[in-house]
Amino acid sequence: MSARIGVITFPGTLDDVDAARAVRLAGAEVVDLWHNDADLKNVDAVVVPGGFSYGDYLRCGAISALAPVMQSVIESAKGGMPVLGICNGFQILTEAGLLPGALTRNEGLHFNCDDTHLVVENNTTAWTSGYTEKEHILIPHKHAEGRYQASAETIAELEGEGRVVFRYTVNPNGSLHDIAGVASADGRIVGLMPHPEHAVEALTGPSVDGLTMFISAVSTIGA
């Protein structure tokens, strides 16, 4: 039986269809999850995709973090279920307390959209086991509030515990320590601002480097 990976849709989500395509290409079954439904439908993992959930009112991800589906995700994540937050999904995971830090307005206050080179700093998480350590990958980013911020103590903890998962080679937004993505202490939850689901097919992406993220999760579930 193939792995079942849920993809959440909130009002304003843009990249759920792309995330679902990536899940299928990785060999898993896609399970559609609706923001107002607390039932996770027995999924093995969850992707919280990018977009502008609830119009990004208040703070990006602040309203979504309180949605019924996220309350179930929080409980399941505490039990070890793998969760990936992409862009707005990363913002939601920080607002929900599943990942530390916050995503704030980009340095320069501009919306940035470009292909970006990342370094894989940690290849031991549920979503990065298919990469090699220090591997360079190319995937797109597109955000206005992707500047990763955290207290000095939190940054030191993340760096000391190897929980910085992805780092920009050229920082597009002013994120502290060039951080593009981080992980939970157990490595089951990962959030990043760039979009791996837009780099899964050679015809449409700058690379296929993002597909490895989803294949890694399928392998983790099957292990």
C-alpha atoms as a PDB file:
ATOM      1  CA  MET A   1       0.000   0.000   0.000  1.00  0.00           C
ATOM      2  CA  SER A   2       1.382   3.413  -0.972  1.00  0.00           C
ATOM      3  CA  ALA A   3       1.988   6.170   1.535  1.00  0.00           C
ATOM      4  CA  ARG A   4      -0.905   8.583   2.058  1.00  0.00           C
ATOM      5  CA  ILE A   5       0.153  12.225   2.197  1.00  0.00           C
ATOM      6  CA  GLY A   6      -2.370  14.919   2.963  1.00  0.00           C
ATOM      7  CA  VAL A   7      -2.247  18.331   1.279  1.00  0.00           C
ATOM      8  CA  ILE A   8      -4.157  21.097   3.054  1.00  0.00           C
ATOM      9  CA  THR A   9      -6.195  23.756   1.277  1.00  0.00           C
ATOM     10  CA  PHE A  10      -7.010  27.026   3.047  1.00  0.00           C
ATOM     11  CA  PRO A  11      -8.929  29.954   1.538  1.00  0.00           C
ATOM     12  CA  GLY A  12      -6.200  31.712  -0.437  1.00  0.00           C
ATOM     13  CA  THR A  13      -3.931  28.678  -0.865  1.00  0.00           C
ATOM     14  CA  LEU A  14      -2.234  28.774  -4.284  1.00  0.00           C
ATOM     15  CA  ASP A  15       0.143  25.850  -4.418  1.00  0.00           C
ATOM     16  CA  ASP A  16      -1.909  22.905  -3.185  1.00  0.00           C
ATOM     17  CA  VAL A  17      -2.317  21.492  -6.691  1.00  0.00           C
ATOM     18  CA  ASP A  18       1.426  21.737  -7.295  1.00  0.00           C
ATOM     19  CA  ALA A  19       2.149  20.064  -3.956  1.00  0.00           C
ATOM     20  CA  ALA A  20      -0.288  17.278  -4.826  1.00  0.00           C
ATOM     21  CA  ARG A  21       1.473  16.744  -8.157  1.00  0.00           C
ATOM     22  CA  ALA A  22       4.809  16.460  -6.347  1.00  0.00           C
ATOM     23  CA  VAL A  23       3.356  13.910  -3.939  1.00  0.00           C
ATOM     24  CA  ARG A  24       2.055  11.813  -6.834  1.00  0.00           C
ATOM     25  CA  LEU A  25       5.374  11.974  -8.669  1.00  0.00           C
ATOM     26  CA  ALA A  26       7.048  10.736  -5.486  1.00  0.00           C
ATOM     27  CA  GLY A  27       4.837   7.654  -5.600  1.00  0.00           C
ATOM     28  CA  ALA A  28       2.405   8.476  -2.797  1.00  0.00           C
ATOM     29  CA  GLU A  29      -1.373   8.798  -2.682  1.00  0.00           C
ATOM     30  CA  VAL A  30      -2.645  12.364  -2.323  1.00  0.00           C
ATOM     31  CA  VAL A  31      -5.333  13.015   0.291  1.00  0.00           C
ATOM     32  CA  ASP A  32      -7.078  16.380   0.038  1.00  0.00           C
ATOM     33  CA  LEU A  33      -7.539  18.079   3.412  1.00  0.00           C
ATOM     34  CA  TRP A  34      -9.832  21.071   3.964  1.00  0.00           C
ATOM     35  CA  HIS A  35      -8.976  23.802   6.480  1.00  0.00           C
ATOM     36  CA  ASN A  36     -12.305  23.601   8.302  1.00  0.00           C
ATOM     37  CA  ASP A  37     -12.263  19.814   8.697  1.00  0.00           C
ATOM     38  CA  ALA A  38     -10.401  18.332  11.671  1.00  0.00           C
ATOM     39  CA  ASP A  39     -10.321  14.840  10.124  1.00  0.00           C
ATOM     40  CA  LEU A  40      -6.865  14.001   8.740  1.00  0.00           C
ATOM     41  CA  LYS A  41      -8.276  10.871   7.059  1.00  0.00           C
ATOM     42  CA  ASN A  42      -5.560   8.552   8.372  1.00  0.00           C
ATOM     43  CA  VAL A  43      -2.739  10.172   6.406  1.00  0.00           C
ATOM     44  CA  ASP A  44       0.889   9.236   7.011  1.00  0.00           C
ATOM     45  CA  ALA A  45       2.235  12.766   6.503  1.00  0.00           C
ATOM     46  CA  VAL A  46       0.984  16.277   5.754  1.00  0.00           C
ATOM     47  CA  VAL A  47       2.098  19.067   3.434  1.00  0.00           C
ATOM     48  CA  VAL A  48       1.065  22.610   4.367  1.00  0.00           C
ATOM     49  CA  PRO A  49       1.461  24.379   1.012  1.00  0.00           C
ATOM     50  CA  GLY A  50       2.144  27.952  -0.008  1.00  0.00           C
ATOM     51  CA  GLY A  51      -0.175  30.795  -0.903  1.00  0.00           C
ATOM     52  CA  PHE A  52      -1.919  33.599   0.931  1.00  0.00           C
ATOM     53  CA  SER A  53      -4.119  31.766   3.397  1.00  0.00           C
ATOM     54  CA  TYR A  54      -6.987  33.932   4.674  1.00  0.00           C
ATOM     55  CA  GLY A  55      -5.489  36.781   2.650  1.00  0.00           C
ATOM     56  CA  ASP A  56      -2.465  36.996   4.983  1.00  0.00           C
ATOM     57  CA  TYR A  57      -4.512  39.175   7.331  1.00  0.00           C
ATOM     58  CA  LEU A  58      -3.112  39.884  10.810  1.00  0.00           C
ATOM     59  CA  ARG A  59       0.203  38.082  10.243  1.00  0.00           C
ATOM     60  CA  CYS A  60       0.956  35.547   7.526  1.00  0.00           C
ATOM     61  CA  GLY A  61      -0.280  32.185   8.792  1.00  0.00           C
ATOM     62  CA  ALA A  62      -1.737  33.531  12.055  1.00  0.00           C
ATOM     63  CA  ILE A  63      -5.373  32.713  11.242  1.00  0.00           C
ATOM     64  CA  SER A  64      -4.550  29.418   9.533  1.00  0.00           C
ATOM     65  CA  ALA A  65      -2.700  28.207  12.623  1.00  0.00           C
ATOM     66  CA  LEU A  66      -6.048  28.236  14.450  1.00  0.00           C
ATOM     67  CA  ALA A  67      -7.967  26.284  11.786  1.00  0.00           C
ATOM     68  CA  PRO A  68      -9.520  22.938  12.825  1.00  0.00           C
ATOM     69  CA  VAL A  69      -7.260  20.982  10.473  1.00  0.00           C
ATOM     70  CA  MET A  70      -4.163  22.514  12.046  1.00  0.00           C
ATOM     71  CA  GLN A  71      -5.240  21.523  15.535  1.00  0.00           C
ATOM     72  CA  SER A  72      -5.261  17.926  14.311  1.00  0.00           C
ATOM     73  CA  VAL A  73      -1.919  18.413  12.561  1.00  0.00           C
ATOM     74  CA  ILE A  74      -0.404  19.753  15.783  1.00  0.00           C
ATOM     75  CA  GLU A  75      -1.556  16.708  17.741  1.00  0.00           C
ATOM     76  CA  SER A  76      -0.410  14.234  15.088  1.00  0.00           C
ATOM     77  CA  ALA A  77       2.928  16.005  14.670  1.00  0.00           C
ATOM     78  CA  LYS A  78       3.533  15.671  18.394  1.00  0.00           C
ATOM     79  CA  GLY A  79       3.121  11.932  17.838  1.00  0.00           C
ATOM     80  CA  GLY A  80       5.792  11.891  15.139  1.00  0.00           C
ATOM     81  CA  MET A  81       3.839  12.385  11.909  1.00  0.00           C
ATOM     82  CA  PRO A  82       6.038  14.067   9.250  1.00  0.00           C
ATOM     83  CA  VAL A  83       4.909  17.574   8.297  1.00  0.00           C
ATOM     84  CA  LEU A  84       6.296  19.854   5.590  1.00  0.00           C
ATOM     85  CA  GLY A  85       5.480  23.566   5.510  1.00  0.00           C
ATOM     86  CA  ILE A  86       6.296  25.420   2.298  1.00  0.00           C
ATOM     87  CA  CYS A  87       6.401  29.252   2.184  1.00  0.00           C
ATOM     88  CA  ASN A  88       3.027  30.249   3.699  1.00  0.00           C
ATOM     89  CA  GLY A  89       3.019  26.730   5.151  1.00  0.00           C
ATOM     90  CA  PHE A  90       6.308  27.505   6.915  1.00  0.00           C
ATOM     91  CA  GLN A  91       4.734  30.670   8.294  1.00  0.00           C
ATOM     92  CA  ILE A  92       1.754  28.641   9.518  1.00  0.00           C
ATOM     93  CA  LEU A  93       4.003  26.114  11.268  1.00  0.00           C
ATOM     94  CA  THR A  94       5.817  28.873  13.153  1.00  0.00           C
ATOM     95  CA  GLU A  95       2.515  30.498  14.131  1.00  0.00           C
ATOM     96  CA  ALA A  96       1.252  27.101  15.312  1.00  0.00           C
ATOM     97  CA  GLY A  97       4.330  26.622  17.478  1.00  0.00           C
ATOM     98  CA  LEU A  98       5.511  23.548  15.595  1.00  0.00           C
ATOM     99  CA  LEU A  99       8.685  25.332  14.471  1.00  0.00           C
ATOM    100  CA  PRO A 100      10.608  28.134  16.190  1.00  0.00           C
ATOM    101  CA  GLY A 101      11.125  31.662  14.935  1.00  0.00           C
ATOM    102  CA  ALA A 102       9.064  33.925  12.708  1.00  0.00           C
ATOM    103  CA  LEU A 103       8.941  35.001   9.064  1.00  0.00           C
ATOM    104  CA  THR A 104       8.882  38.787   8.648  1.00  0.00           C
ATOM    105  CA  ARG A 105       8.871  41.311   5.806  1.00  0.00           C
ATOM    106  CA  ASN A 106      11.770  40.913   3.412  1.00  0.00           C
ATOM    107  CA  GLU A 107      14.705  43.215   3.778  1.00  0.00           C
ATOM    108  CA  GLY A 108      13.985  46.085   1.385  1.00  0.00           C
ATOM    109  CA  LEU A 109      10.225  45.393   1.683  1.00  0.00           C
ATOM    110  CA  HIS A 110       9.997  43.908  -1.812  1.00  0.00           C
ATOM    111  CA  PHE A 111       8.276  40.764  -3.043  1.00  0.00           C
ATOM    112  CA  ASN A 112      11.029  38.461  -4.311  1.00  0.00           C
ATOM    113  CA  CYS A 113      10.508  35.854  -7.019  1.00  0.00           C
ATOM    114  CA  ASP A 114      13.456  33.983  -8.488  1.00  0.00           C
ATOM    115  CA  ASP A 115      15.211  30.636  -8.683  1.00  0.00           C
ATOM    116  CA  THR A 116      17.412  30.185  -5.651  1.00  0.00           C
ATOM    117  CA  HIS A 117      20.367  27.999  -4.776  1.00  0.00           C
ATOM    118  CA  LEU A 118      20.222  26.288  -1.403  1.00  0.00           C
ATOM    119  CA  VAL A 119      22.683  24.220   0.585  1.00  0.00           C
ATOM    120  CA  VAL A 120      21.288  21.118   2.279  1.00  0.00           C
ATOM    121  CA  GLU A 121      22.699  21.503   5.782  1.00  0.00           C
ATOM    122  CA  ASN A 122      20.871  18.543   7.331  1.00  0.00           C
ATOM    123  CA  ASN A 123      20.086  15.394   5.361  1.00  0.00           C
ATOM    124  CA  THR A 124      18.802  13.389   8.324  1.00  0.00           C
ATOM    125  CA  THR A 125      15.253  14.770   8.529  1.00  0.00           C
ATOM    126  CA  ALA A 126      12.135  13.003   7.303  1.00  0.00           C
ATOM    127  CA  TRP A 127      12.092  15.293   4.261  1.00  0.00           C
ATOM    128  CA  THR A 128      15.790  15.453   3.332  1.00  0.00           C
ATOM    129  CA  SER A 129      17.157  11.917   3.691  1.00  0.00           C
ATOM    130  CA  GLY A 130      17.477  11.573  -0.085  1.00  0.00           C
ATOM    131  CA  TYR A 131      19.972  14.418  -0.332  1.00  0.00           C
ATOM    132  CA  THR A 132      23.650  14.383   0.530  1.00  0.00           C
ATOM    133  CA  GLU A 133      24.960  16.704   3.208  1.00  0.00           C
ATOM    134  CA  LYS A 134      26.058  20.060   1.764  1.00  0.00           C
ATOM    135  CA  GLU A 135      24.385  19.251  -1.557  1.00  0.00           C
ATOM    136  CA  HIS A 136      23.482  22.328  -3.591  1.00  0.00           C
ATOM    137  CA  ILE A 137      19.948  22.368  -4.984  1.00  0.00           C
ATOM    138  CA  LEU A 138      18.053  24.826  -7.182  1.00  0.00           C
ATOM    139  CA  ILE A 139      14.396  25.603  -6.489  1.00  0.00           C
ATOM    140  CA  PRO A 140      12.219  28.731  -6.863  1.00  0.00           C
ATOM    141  CA  HIS A 141      11.242  31.160  -4.136  1.00  0.00           C
ATOM    142  CA  LYS A 142       8.416  33.730  -4.195  1.00  0.00           C
ATOM    143  CA  HIS A 143       7.566  35.653  -1.061  1.00  0.00           C
ATOM    144  CA  ALA A 144       7.297  39.071   0.560  1.00  0.00           C
ATOM    145  CA  GLU A 145       7.556  37.897   4.169  1.00  0.00           C
ATOM    146  CA  GLY A 146      10.300  35.279   4.186  1.00  0.00           C
ATOM    147  CA  ARG A 147      12.911  36.905   6.386  1.00  0.00           C
ATOM    148  CA  TYR A 148      13.634  34.331   9.091  1.00  0.00           C
ATOM    149  CA  GLN A 149      13.995  35.860  12.532  1.00  0.00           C
ATOM    150  CA  ALA A 150      14.493  34.360  15.983  1.00  0.00           C
ATOM    151  CA  SER A 151      16.141  35.230  19.262  1.00  0.00           C
ATOM    152  CA  ALA A 152      19.899  34.831  19.575  1.00  0.00           C
ATOM    153  CA  GLU A 153      19.285  31.906  21.923  1.00  0.00           C
ATOM    154  CA  THR A 154      17.005  30.165  19.433  1.00  0.00           C
ATOM    155  CA  ILE A 155      19.429  30.696  16.556  1.00  0.00           C
ATOM    156  CA  ALA A 156      22.269  29.275  18.668  1.00  0.00           C
ATOM    157  CA  GLU A 157      20.101  26.271  19.536  1.00  0.00           C
ATOM    158  CA  LEU A 158      19.166  25.626  15.906  1.00  0.00           C
ATOM    159  CA  GLU A 159      22.762  25.911  14.757  1.00  0.00           C
ATOM    160  CA  GLY A 160      24.102  23.817  17.640  1.00  0.00           C
ATOM    161  CA  GLU A 161      21.575  21.023  17.146  1.00  0.00           C
ATOM    162  CA  GLY A 162      21.901  20.941  13.360  1.00  0.00           C
ATOM    163  CA  ARG A 163      18.309  22.040  12.866  1.00  0.00           C
ATOM    164  CA  VAL A 164      19.067  24.529  10.104  1.00  0.00           C
ATOM    165  CA  VAL A 165      18.021  22.332   7.203  1.00  0.00           C
ATOM    166  CA  PHE A 166      18.476  24.658   4.223  1.00  0.00           C
ATOM    167  CA  ARG A 167      20.620  27.753   3.825  1.00  0.00           C
ATOM    168  CA  TYR A 168      20.634  30.327   1.014  1.00  0.00           C
ATOM    169  CA  THR A 169      23.863  30.660  -0.942  1.00  0.00           C
ATOM    170  CA  VAL A 170      22.762  34.212  -1.799  1.00  0.00           C
ATOM    171  CA  ASN A 171      20.378  35.639   0.784  1.00  0.00           C
ATOM    172  CA  PRO A 172      17.298  37.115  -0.965  1.00  0.00           C
ATOM    173  CA  ASN A 173      15.437  38.466   2.062  1.00  0.00           C
ATOM    174  CA  GLY A 174      17.746  39.220   4.997  1.00  0.00           C
ATOM    175  CA  SER A 175      17.104  35.992   6.911  1.00  0.00           C
ATOM    176  CA  LEU A 176      19.390  35.574   9.891  1.00  0.00           C
ATOM    177  CA  HIS A 177      22.308  33.232   9.202  1.00  0.00           C
ATOM    178  CA  ASP A 178      21.003  32.852   5.609  1.00  0.00           C
ATOM    179  CA  ILE A 179      18.402  30.417   6.956  1.00  0.00           C
ATOM    180  CA  ALA A 180      15.959  29.137   4.337  1.00  0.00           C
ATOM    181  CA  GLY A 181      14.480  26.247   6.318  1.00  0.00           C
ATOM    182  CA  VAL A 182      14.529  24.666   9.759  1.00  0.00           C
ATOM    183  CA  ALA A 183      13.428  21.455  11.445  1.00  0.00           C
ATOM    184  CA  SER A 184      11.864  20.351  14.696  1.00  0.00           C
ATOM    185  CA  ALA A 185      14.035  18.674  17.293  1.00  0.00           C
ATOM    186  CA  ASP A 186      13.014  15.211  16.085  1.00  0.00           C
ATOM    187  CA  GLY A 187      13.524  16.071  12.400  1.00  0.00           C
ATOM    188  CA  ARG A 188       9.968  15.076  11.476  1.00  0.00           C
ATOM    189  CA  ILE A 189       8.740  18.629  10.869  1.00  0.00           C
ATOM    190  CA  VAL A 190      10.448  20.826   8.278  1.00  0.00           C
ATOM    191  CA  GLY A 191       9.585  24.289   7.050  1.00  0.00           C
ATOM    192  CA  LEU A 192      11.207  26.268   4.246  1.00  0.00           C
ATOM    193  CA  MET A 193      10.405  29.399   2.269  1.00  0.00           C
ATOM    194  CA  PRO A 194      11.464  28.234  -1.244  1.00  0.00           C
ATOM    195  CA  HIS A 195       9.114  25.964  -3.196  1.00  0.00           C
ATOM    196  CA  PRO A 196      10.299  22.384  -3.837  1.00  0.00           C
ATOM    197  CA  GLU A 197       6.955  21.517  -5.469  1.00  0.00           C
ATOM    198  CA  HIS A 198       7.880  23.864  -8.335  1.00  0.00           C
ATOM    199  CA  ALA A 199      11.044  21.898  -9.068  1.00  0.00           C
ATOM    200  CA  VAL A 200       9.785  18.367  -9.670  1.00  0.00           C
ATOM    201  CA  GLU A 201       9.603  18.151 -13.477  1.00  0.00           C
ATOM    202  CA  ALA A 202      12.260  19.153 -15.996  1.00  0.00           C
ATOM    203  CA  LEU A 203       9.639  20.620 -18.354  1.00  0.00           C
ATOM    204  CA  THR A 204       8.328  23.207 -15.892  1.00  0.00           C
ATOM    205  CA  GLY A 205      10.969  23.748 -13.212  1.00  0.00           C
ATOM    206  CA  PRO A 206      14.515  25.054 -13.058  1.00  0.00           C
ATOM    207  CA  SER A 207      15.503  21.556 -11.890  1.00  0.00           C
ATOM    208  CA  VAL A 208      13.998  18.405 -10.384  1.00  0.00           C
ATOM    209  CA  ASP A 209      15.821  18.954  -7.105  1.00  0.00           C
ATOM    210  CA  GLY A 210      12.606  19.521  -5.156  1.00  0.00           C
ATOM    211  CA  LEU A 211      11.215  16.067  -5.917  1.00  0.00           C
ATOM    212  CA  THR A 212      13.797  14.487  -3.620  1.00  0.00           C
ATOM    213  CA  MET A 213      12.092  16.148  -0.665  1.00  0.00           C
ATOM    214  CA  PHE A 214       8.851  14.280  -1.305  1.00  0.00           C
ATOM    215  CA  ILE A 215      10.602  11.012  -2.157  1.00  0.00           C
ATOM    216  CA  SER A 216      12.474  11.314   1.143  1.00  0.00           C
ATOM    217  CA  ALA A 217       9.189  11.496   3.038  1.00  0.00           C
ATOM    218  CA  VAL A 218       7.773   8.479   1.205  1.00  0.00           C
ATOM    219  CA  SER A 219      10.916   6.525   2.072  1.00  0.00           C
ATOM    220  CA  THR A 220      10.673   7.629   5.703  1.00  0.00           C
ATOM    221  CA  ILE A 221       7.058   6.508   5.936  1.00  0.00           C
ATOM    222  CA  GLY A 222       7.896   3.146   4.404  1.00  0.00           C
ATOM    223  CA  ALA A 223      10.894   2.533   6.668  1.00  0.00           C
END
